[in-house]
């Protein structure tokens, strides 16, 4: 049971990291992605308490992304070393 939960946790962390990296790359190269992110931030900020709850939840989900990004750079890509260090 513990093994499967650990694997699911690693998959969740890798998925969030990939989504954040794709958003960063998309923001650099595509006007549409940048516009979507601006619209999302505007919608969240103008939604009152529900928007605040969503913003806190998104920040909670992405709390480990900087450390995982550092691990990804140190492992030089998505490989077994990266997977084992999560």
PDB file of N, CA and C in Angstrom:
ATOM      1  N   UNK A   1       0.825  -1.196   0.000  1.00  0.00           N
ATOM      2  CA  UNK A   1       0.000   0.000   0.000  1.00  0.00           C
ATOM      3  C   UNK A   1       0.868   1.257   0.000  1.00  0.00           C
ATOM      4  N   UNK A   2       1.911   1.264   0.846  1.00  0.00           N
ATOM      5  CA  UNK A   2       2.781   2.422   0.938  1.00  0.00           C
ATOM      6  C   UNK A   2       3.535   2.684  -0.353  1.00  0.00           C
ATOM      7  N   UNK A   3       3.915   1.596  -1.055  1.00  0.00           N
ATOM      8  CA  UNK A   3       4.646   1.741  -2.305  1.00  0.00           C
ATOM      9  C   UNK A   3       3.801   2.435  -3.361  1.00  0.00           C
ATOM     10  N   UNK A   4       2.540   2.060  -3.455  1.00  0.00           N
ATOM     11  CA  UNK A   4       1.683   2.661  -4.477  1.00  0.00           C
ATOM     12  C   UNK A   4       1.387   4.127  -4.164  1.00  0.00           C
ATOM     13  N   UNK A   5       1.231   4.466  -2.889  1.00  0.00           N
ATOM     14  CA  UNK A   5       1.007   5.865  -2.534  1.00  0.00           C
ATOM     15  C   UNK A   5       2.246   6.712  -2.811  1.00  0.00           C
ATOM     16  N   UNK A   6       3.425   6.142  -2.575  1.00  0.00           N
ATOM     17  CA  UNK A   6       4.665   6.860  -2.859  1.00  0.00           C
ATOM     18  C   UNK A   6       4.813   7.094  -4.361  1.00  0.00           C
ATOM     19  N   UNK A   7       4.471   6.087  -5.152  1.00  0.00           N
ATOM     20  CA  UNK A   7       4.534   6.214  -6.608  1.00  0.00           C
ATOM     21  C   UNK A   7       3.527   7.246  -7.101  1.00  0.00           C
ATOM     22  N   UNK A   8       2.317   7.223  -6.560  1.00  0.00           N
ATOM     23  CA  UNK A   8       1.311   8.221  -6.950  1.00  0.00           C
ATOM     24  C   UNK A   8       1.753   9.631  -6.572  1.00  0.00           C
ATOM     25  N   UNK A   9       2.382   9.775  -5.424  1.00  0.00           N
ATOM     26  CA  UNK A   9       2.892  11.075  -5.005  1.00  0.00           C
ATOM     27  C   UNK A   9       3.975  11.573  -5.961  1.00  0.00           C
ATOM     28  N   UNK A  10       4.868  10.676  -6.366  1.00  0.00           N
ATOM     29  CA  UNK A  10       5.913  11.054  -7.316  1.00  0.00           C
ATOM     30  C   UNK A  10       5.312  11.437  -8.668  1.00  0.00           C
ATOM     31  N   UNK A  11       4.327  10.666  -9.131  1.00  0.00           N
ATOM     32  CA  UNK A  11       3.665  10.991 -10.397  1.00  0.00           C
ATOM     33  C   UNK A  11       2.969  12.349 -10.324  1.00  0.00           C
ATOM     34  N   UNK A  12       2.320  12.637  -9.208  1.00  0.00           N
ATOM     35  CA  UNK A  12       1.649  13.921  -9.012  1.00  0.00           C
ATOM     36  C   UNK A  12       2.676  15.057  -9.071  1.00  0.00           C
ATOM     37  N   UNK A  13       3.802  14.896  -8.377  1.00  0.00           N
ATOM     38  CA  UNK A  13       4.832  15.930  -8.362  1.00  0.00           C
ATOM     39  C   UNK A  13       5.424  16.152  -9.750  1.00  0.00           C
ATOM     40  N   UNK A  14       5.672  15.084 -10.485  1.00  0.00           N
ATOM     41  CA  UNK A  14       6.218  15.206 -11.835  1.00  0.00           C
ATOM     42  C   UNK A  14       5.206  15.878 -12.759  1.00  0.00           C
ATOM     43  N   UNK A  15       3.936  15.526 -12.625  1.00  0.00           N
ATOM     44  CA  UNK A  15       2.893  16.134 -13.454  1.00  0.00           C
ATOM     45  C   UNK A  15       2.794  17.640 -13.205  1.00  0.00           C
ATOM     46  N   UNK A  16       2.793  18.042 -11.944  1.00  0.00           N
ATOM     47  CA  UNK A  16       2.731  19.465 -11.618  1.00  0.00           C
ATOM     48  C   UNK A  16       3.959  20.182 -12.151  1.00  0.00           C
ATOM     49  N   UNK A  17       5.146  19.586 -12.009  1.00  0.00           N
ATOM     50  CA  UNK A  17       6.374  20.190 -12.514  1.00  0.00           C
ATOM     51  C   UNK A  17       6.319  20.363 -14.022  1.00  0.00           C
ATOM     52  N   UNK A  18       5.851  19.351 -14.730  1.00  0.00           N
ATOM     53  CA  UNK A  18       5.745  19.441 -16.189  1.00  0.00           C
ATOM     54  C   UNK A  18       4.765  20.538 -16.597  1.00  0.00           C
ATOM     55  N   UNK A  19       3.626  20.625 -15.919  1.00  0.00           N
ATOM     56  CA  UNK A  19       2.644  21.662 -16.247  1.00  0.00           C
ATOM     57  C   UNK A  19       3.202  23.062 -16.013  1.00  0.00           C
ATOM     58  N   UNK A  20       3.926  23.253 -14.918  1.00  0.00           N
ATOM     59  CA  UNK A  20       4.515  24.564 -14.639  1.00  0.00           C
ATOM     60  C   UNK A  20       5.581  24.900 -15.682  1.00  0.00           C
ATOM     61  N   UNK A  21       6.421  23.927 -16.028  1.00  0.00           N
ATOM     62  CA  UNK A  21       7.445  24.173 -17.043  1.00  0.00           C
ATOM     63  C   UNK A  21       6.828  24.488 -18.405  1.00  0.00           C
ATOM     64  N   UNK A  22       5.762  23.790 -18.758  1.00  0.00           N
ATOM     65  CA  UNK A  22       5.085  24.085 -20.024  1.00  0.00           C
ATOM     66  C   UNK A  22       4.461  25.478 -20.017  1.00  0.00           C
ATOM     67  N   UNK A  23       3.910  25.892 -18.877  1.00  0.00           N
ATOM     68  CA  UNK A  23       3.361  27.241 -18.780  1.00  0.00           C
ATOM     69  C   UNK A  23       4.451  28.294 -18.911  1.00  0.00           C
ATOM     70  N   UNK A  24       5.598  28.048 -18.302  1.00  0.00           N
ATOM     71  CA  UNK A  24       6.698  29.006 -18.406  1.00  0.00           C
ATOM     72  C   UNK A  24       7.190  29.098 -19.846  1.00  0.00           C
ATOM     73  N   UNK A  25       7.414  27.956 -20.479  1.00  0.00           N
ATOM     74  CA  UNK A  25       7.854  27.976 -21.873  1.00  0.00           C
ATOM     75  C   UNK A  25       6.790  28.564 -22.793  1.00  0.00           C
ATOM     76  N   UNK A  26       5.538  28.227 -22.545  1.00  0.00           N
ATOM     77  CA  UNK A  26       4.455  28.785 -23.355  1.00  0.00           C
ATOM     78  C   UNK A  26       4.325  30.282 -23.183  1.00  0.00           C
ATOM     79  N   UNK A  27       4.581  30.782 -21.991  1.00  0.00           N
ATOM     80  CA  UNK A  27       4.503  32.219 -21.746  1.00  0.00           C
ATOM     81  C   UNK A  27       5.596  32.967 -22.493  1.00  0.00           C
ATOM     82  N   UNK A  28       6.731  32.336 -22.630  1.00  0.00           N
ATOM     83  CA  UNK A  28       7.842  32.976 -23.327  1.00  0.00           C
ATOM     84  C   UNK A  28       7.572  33.031 -24.831  1.00  0.00           C
ATOM     85  N   UNK A  29       7.075  31.947 -25.392  1.00  0.00           N
ATOM     86  CA  UNK A  29       6.993  31.834 -26.847  1.00  0.00           C
ATOM     87  C   UNK A  29       5.623  32.113 -27.458  1.00  0.00           C
ATOM     88  N   UNK A  30       4.548  32.102 -26.675  1.00  0.00           N
ATOM     89  CA  UNK A  30       3.217  32.214 -27.257  1.00  0.00           C
ATOM     90  C   UNK A  30       2.406  33.326 -26.591  1.00  0.00           C
ATOM     91  N   UNK A  31       1.831  34.187 -27.417  1.00  0.00           N
ATOM     92  CA  UNK A  31       0.974  35.253 -26.897  1.00  0.00           C
ATOM     93  C   UNK A  31      -0.326  34.700 -26.329  1.00  0.00           C
ATOM     94  N   UNK A  32      -0.826  33.617 -26.892  1.00  0.00           N
ATOM     95  CA  UNK A  32      -2.093  33.046 -26.428  1.00  0.00           C
ATOM     96  C   UNK A  32      -1.969  32.488 -25.016  1.00  0.00           C
ATOM     97  N   UNK A  33      -0.866  31.814 -24.726  1.00  0.00           N
ATOM     98  CA  UNK A  33      -0.671  31.270 -23.379  1.00  0.00           C
ATOM     99  C   UNK A  33      -0.544  32.412 -22.378  1.00  0.00           C
ATOM    100  N   UNK A  34       0.214  33.445 -22.746  1.00  0.00           N
ATOM    101  CA  UNK A  34       0.348  34.615 -21.875  1.00  0.00           C
ATOM    102  C   UNK A  34      -1.006  35.254 -21.605  1.00  0.00           C
ATOM    103  N   UNK A  35      -1.825  35.388 -22.630  1.00  0.00           N
ATOM    104  CA  UNK A  35      -3.160  35.955 -22.467  1.00  0.00           C
ATOM    105  C   UNK A  35      -4.046  35.103 -21.572  1.00  0.00           C
ATOM    106  N   UNK A  36      -3.951  33.792 -21.715  1.00  0.00           N
ATOM    107  CA  UNK A  36      -4.734  32.888 -20.865  1.00  0.00           C
ATOM    108  C   UNK A  36      -4.321  32.996 -19.410  1.00  0.00           C
ATOM    109  N   UNK A  37      -3.021  33.117 -19.146  1.00  0.00           N
ATOM    110  CA  UNK A  37      -2.552  33.250 -17.771  1.00  0.00           C
ATOM    111  C   UNK A  37      -3.008  34.564 -17.169  1.00  0.00           C
ATOM    112  N   UNK A  38      -2.938  35.639 -17.948  1.00  0.00           N
ATOM    113  CA  UNK A  38      -3.406  36.946 -17.466  1.00  0.00           C
ATOM    114  C   UNK A  38      -4.902  36.894 -17.177  1.00  0.00           C
ATOM    115  N   UNK A  39      -5.667  36.260 -18.041  1.00  0.00           N
ATOM    116  CA  UNK A  39      -7.108  36.130 -17.827  1.00  0.00           C
ATOM    117  C   UNK A  39      -7.410  35.302 -16.583  1.00  0.00           C
ATOM    118  N   UNK A  40      -6.670  34.226 -16.363  1.00  0.00           N
ATOM    119  CA  UNK A  40      -6.856  33.398 -15.177  1.00  0.00           C
ATOM    120  C   UNK A  40      -6.575  34.194 -13.902  1.00  0.00           C
ATOM    121  N   UNK A  41      -5.474  34.926 -13.888  1.00  0.00           N
ATOM    122  CA  UNK A  41      -5.140  35.741 -12.715  1.00  0.00           C
ATOM    123  C   UNK A  41      -6.188  36.813 -12.482  1.00  0.00           C
ATOM    124  N   UNK A  42      -6.672  37.448 -13.543  1.00  0.00           N
ATOM    125  CA  UNK A  42      -7.704  38.476 -13.420  1.00  0.00           C
ATOM    126  C   UNK A  42      -9.007  37.883 -12.881  1.00  0.00           C
ATOM    127  N   UNK A  43      -9.377  36.720 -13.369  1.00  0.00           N
ATOM    128  CA  UNK A  43     -10.602  36.067 -12.902  1.00  0.00           C
ATOM    129  C   UNK A  43     -10.494  35.667 -11.444  1.00  0.00           C
ATOM    130  N   UNK A  44      -9.359  35.103 -11.060  1.00  0.00           N
ATOM    131  CA  UNK A  44      -9.169  34.684  -9.666  1.00  0.00           C
ATOM    132  C   UNK A  44      -9.179  35.894  -8.738  1.00  0.00           C
ATOM    133  N   UNK A  45      -8.509  36.976  -9.164  1.00  0.00           N
ATOM    134  CA  UNK A  45      -8.422  38.144  -8.286  1.00  0.00           C
ATOM    135  C   UNK A  45      -9.746  38.888  -8.149  1.00  0.00           C
ATOM    136  N   UNK A  46     -10.637  38.733  -9.094  1.00  0.00           N
ATOM    137  CA  UNK A  46     -11.913  39.449  -9.011  1.00  0.00           C
ATOM    138  C   UNK A  46     -13.060  38.562  -8.507  1.00  0.00           C
ATOM    139  N   UNK A  47     -12.744  37.369  -8.006  1.00  0.00           N
ATOM    140  CA  UNK A  47     -13.792  36.446  -7.582  1.00  0.00           C
ATOM    141  C   UNK A  47     -14.057  36.436  -6.084  1.00  0.00           C
ATOM    142  N   UNK A  48     -13.452  37.324  -5.343  1.00  0.00           N
ATOM    143  CA  UNK A  48     -13.732  37.415  -3.915  1.00  0.00           C
ATOM    144  C   UNK A  48     -13.135  36.271  -3.121  1.00  0.00           C
ATOM    145  N   UNK A  49     -13.914  35.758  -2.162  1.00  0.00           N
ATOM    146  CA  UNK A  49     -13.419  34.706  -1.277  1.00  0.00           C
ATOM    147  C   UNK A  49     -13.150  33.392  -2.011  1.00  0.00           C
ATOM    148  N   UNK A  50     -13.967  33.084  -3.017  1.00  0.00           N
ATOM    149  CA  UNK A  50     -13.728  31.868  -3.786  1.00  0.00           C
ATOM    150  C   UNK A  50     -12.415  31.976  -4.548  1.00  0.00           C
ATOM    151  N   UNK A  51     -12.139  33.136  -5.101  1.00  0.00           N
ATOM    152  CA  UNK A  51     -10.878  33.354  -5.801  1.00  0.00           C
ATOM    153  C   UNK A  51      -9.693  33.248  -4.866  1.00  0.00           C
ATOM    154  N   UNK A  52      -9.846  33.780  -3.660  1.00  0.00           N
ATOM    155  CA  UNK A  52      -8.787  33.673  -2.665  1.00  0.00           C
ATOM    156  C   UNK A  52      -8.530  32.211  -2.296  1.00  0.00           C
ATOM    157  N   UNK A  53      -9.603  31.435  -2.137  1.00  0.00           N
ATOM    158  CA  UNK A  53      -9.458  30.015  -1.822  1.00  0.00           C
ATOM    159  C   UNK A  53      -8.762  29.271  -2.960  1.00  0.00           C
ATOM    160  N   UNK A  54      -9.120  29.581  -4.194  1.00  0.00           N
ATOM    161  CA  UNK A  54      -8.479  28.936  -5.344  1.00  0.00           C
ATOM    162  C   UNK A  54      -7.017  29.333  -5.427  1.00  0.00           C
ATOM    163  N   UNK A  55      -6.704  30.606  -5.187  1.00  0.00           N
ATOM    164  CA  UNK A  55      -5.316  31.061  -5.230  1.00  0.00           C
ATOM    165  C   UNK A  55      -4.478  30.369  -4.163  1.00  0.00           C
ATOM    166  N   UNK A  56      -5.012  30.237  -2.958  1.00  0.00           N
ATOM    167  CA  UNK A  56      -4.289  29.544  -1.884  1.00  0.00           C
ATOM    168  C   UNK A  56      -4.092  28.077  -2.243  1.00  0.00           C
ATOM    169  N   UNK A  57      -5.102  27.445  -2.823  1.00  0.00           N
ATOM    170  CA  UNK A  57      -4.992  26.047  -3.235  1.00  0.00           C
ATOM    171  C   UNK A  57      -3.933  25.875  -4.322  1.00  0.00           C
ATOM    172  N   UNK A  58      -3.902  26.768  -5.310  1.00  0.00           N
ATOM    173  CA  UNK A  58      -2.893  26.688  -6.371  1.00  0.00           C
ATOM    174  C   UNK A  58      -1.485  26.885  -5.817  1.00  0.00           C
ATOM    175  N   UNK A  59      -1.343  27.821  -4.890  1.00  0.00           N
ATOM    176  CA  UNK A  59      -0.033  28.019  -4.262  1.00  0.00           C
ATOM    177  C   UNK A  59       0.380  26.796  -3.451  1.00  0.00           C
ATOM    178  N   UNK A  60      -0.579  26.164  -2.786  1.00  0.00           N
ATOM    179  CA  UNK A  60      -0.291  24.952  -2.020  1.00  0.00           C
ATOM    180  C   UNK A  60       0.160  23.814  -2.934  1.00  0.00           C
ATOM    181  N   UNK A  61      -0.492  23.668  -4.074  1.00  0.00           N
ATOM    182  CA  UNK A  61      -0.128  22.618  -5.019  1.00  0.00           C
ATOM    183  C   UNK A  61       1.287  22.846  -5.554  1.00  0.00           C
ATOM    184  N   UNK A  62       1.642  24.097  -5.806  1.00  0.00           N
ATOM    185  CA  UNK A  62       2.925  24.397  -6.432  1.00  0.00           C
ATOM    186  C   UNK A  62       4.033  24.704  -5.436  1.00  0.00           C
ATOM    187  N   UNK A  63       3.869  24.359  -4.172  1.00  0.00           N
ATOM    188  CA  UNK A  63       4.846  24.711  -3.152  1.00  0.00           C
ATOM    189  C   UNK A  63       6.183  24.000  -3.325  1.00  0.00           C
ATOM    190  N   UNK A  64       6.201  22.832  -3.916  1.00  0.00           N
ATOM    191  CA  UNK A  64       7.424  22.059  -4.067  1.00  0.00           C
ATOM    192  C   UNK A  64       8.077  22.213  -5.436  1.00  0.00           C
ATOM    193  N   UNK A  65       7.479  22.983  -6.321  1.00  0.00           N
ATOM    194  CA  UNK A  65       7.994  23.102  -7.680  1.00  0.00           C
ATOM    195  C   UNK A  65       9.425  23.653  -7.713  1.00  0.00           C
ATOM    196  N   UNK A  66       9.780  24.694  -6.956  1.00  0.00           N
ATOM    197  CA  UNK A  66      11.167  25.181  -7.034  1.00  0.00           C
ATOM    198  C   UNK A  66      12.207  24.132  -6.628  1.00  0.00           C
ATOM    199  N   UNK A  67      11.933  23.382  -5.577  1.00  0.00           N
ATOM    200  CA  UNK A  67      12.905  22.355  -5.170  1.00  0.00           C
ATOM    201  C   UNK A  67      12.965  21.223  -6.190  1.00  0.00           C
ATOM    202  N   UNK A  68      11.833  20.856  -6.774  1.00  0.00           N
ATOM    203  CA  UNK A  68      11.836  19.806  -7.795  1.00  0.00           C
ATOM    204  C   UNK A  68      12.525  20.282  -9.063  1.00  0.00           C
ATOM    205  N   UNK A  69      12.408  21.568  -9.365  1.00  0.00           N
ATOM    206  CA  UNK A  69      13.113  22.114 -10.523  1.00  0.00           C
ATOM    207  C   UNK A  69      14.625  22.036 -10.298  1.00  0.00           C
ATOM    208  N   UNK A  70      15.060  22.323  -9.075  1.00  0.00           N
ATOM    209  CA  UNK A  70      16.478  22.190  -8.745  1.00  0.00           C
ATOM    210  C   UNK A  70      16.953  20.757  -8.866  1.00  0.00           C
ATOM    211  N   UNK A  71      16.141  19.817  -8.418  1.00  0.00           N
ATOM    212  CA  UNK A  71      16.481  18.390  -8.543  1.00  0.00           C
ATOM    213  C   UNK A  71      16.546  17.994 -10.019  1.00  0.00           C
ATOM    214  N   UNK A  72      15.631  18.517 -10.833  1.00  0.00           N
ATOM    215  CA  UNK A  72      15.617  18.217 -12.259  1.00  0.00           C
ATOM    216  C   UNK A  72      16.887  18.724 -12.937  1.00  0.00           C
ATOM    217  N   UNK A  73      17.324  19.919 -12.590  1.00  0.00           N
ATOM    218  CA  UNK A  73      18.544  20.468 -13.172  1.00  0.00           C
ATOM    219  C   UNK A  73      19.757  19.664 -12.719  1.00  0.00           C
ATOM    220  N   UNK A  74      19.793  19.306 -11.435  1.00  0.00           N
ATOM    221  CA  UNK A  74      20.926  18.537 -10.908  1.00  0.00           C
ATOM    222  C   UNK A  74      20.999  17.151 -11.549  1.00  0.00           C
ATOM    223  N   UNK A  75      19.838  16.534 -11.824  1.00  0.00           N
ATOM    224  CA  UNK A  75      19.807  15.209 -12.445  1.00  0.00           C
ATOM    225  C   UNK A  75      20.000  15.279 -13.957  1.00  0.00           C
ATOM    226  N   UNK A  76      19.998  16.488 -14.509  1.00  0.00           N
ATOM    227  CA  UNK A  76      20.176  16.732 -15.947  1.00  0.00           C
ATOM    228  C   UNK A  76      19.083  16.083 -16.787  1.00  0.00           C
ATOM    229  N   UNK A  77      17.849  16.207 -16.331  1.00  0.00           N
ATOM    230  CA  UNK A  77      16.719  15.729 -17.117  1.00  0.00           C
ATOM    231  C   UNK A  77      15.855  14.741 -16.372  1.00  0.00           C
ATOM    232  N   UNK A  78      14.797  14.302 -17.071  1.00  0.00           N
ATOM    233  CA  UNK A  78      13.880  13.317 -16.515  1.00  0.00           C
ATOM    234  C   UNK A  78      14.493  11.935 -16.698  1.00  0.00           C
ATOM    235  N   UNK A  79      15.130  11.431 -15.661  1.00  0.00           N
ATOM    236  CA  UNK A  79      15.752  10.120 -15.735  1.00  0.00           C
ATOM    237  C   UNK A  79      15.564   9.403 -14.403  1.00  0.00           C
ATOM    238  N   UNK A  80      16.202   8.249 -14.259  1.00  0.00           N
ATOM    239  CA  UNK A  80      16.042   7.445 -13.042  1.00  0.00           C
ATOM    240  C   UNK A  80      16.574   8.177 -11.818  1.00  0.00           C
ATOM    241  N   UNK A  81      17.650   8.916 -11.977  1.00  0.00           N
ATOM    242  CA  UNK A  81      18.210   9.681 -10.857  1.00  0.00           C
ATOM    243  C   UNK A  81      17.209  10.718 -10.351  1.00  0.00           C
ATOM    244  N   UNK A  82      16.526  11.381 -11.285  1.00  0.00           N
ATOM    245  CA  UNK A  82      15.495  12.356 -10.899  1.00  0.00           C
ATOM    246  C   UNK A  82      14.347  11.660 -10.180  1.00  0.00           C
ATOM    247  N   UNK A  83      13.891  10.533 -10.727  1.00  0.00           N
ATOM    248  CA  UNK A  83      12.757   9.798 -10.149  1.00  0.00           C
ATOM    249  C   UNK A  83      13.101   9.313  -8.736  1.00  0.00           C
ATOM    250  N   UNK A  84      14.308   8.801  -8.558  1.00  0.00           N
ATOM    251  CA  UNK A  84      14.698   8.286  -7.242  1.00  0.00           C
ATOM    252  C   UNK A  84      14.881   9.402  -6.218  1.00  0.00           C
ATOM    253  N   UNK A  85      15.257  10.597  -6.665  1.00  0.00           N
ATOM    254  CA  UNK A  85      15.494  11.689  -5.716  1.00  0.00           C
ATOM    255  C   UNK A  85      14.208  12.406  -5.310  1.00  0.00           C
ATOM    256  N   UNK A  86      13.097  12.121  -5.947  1.00  0.00           N
ATOM    257  CA  UNK A  86      11.831  12.743  -5.538  1.00  0.00           C
ATOM    258  C   UNK A  86      11.388  12.141  -4.272  1.00  0.00           C
TER     259      UNK A  86
END
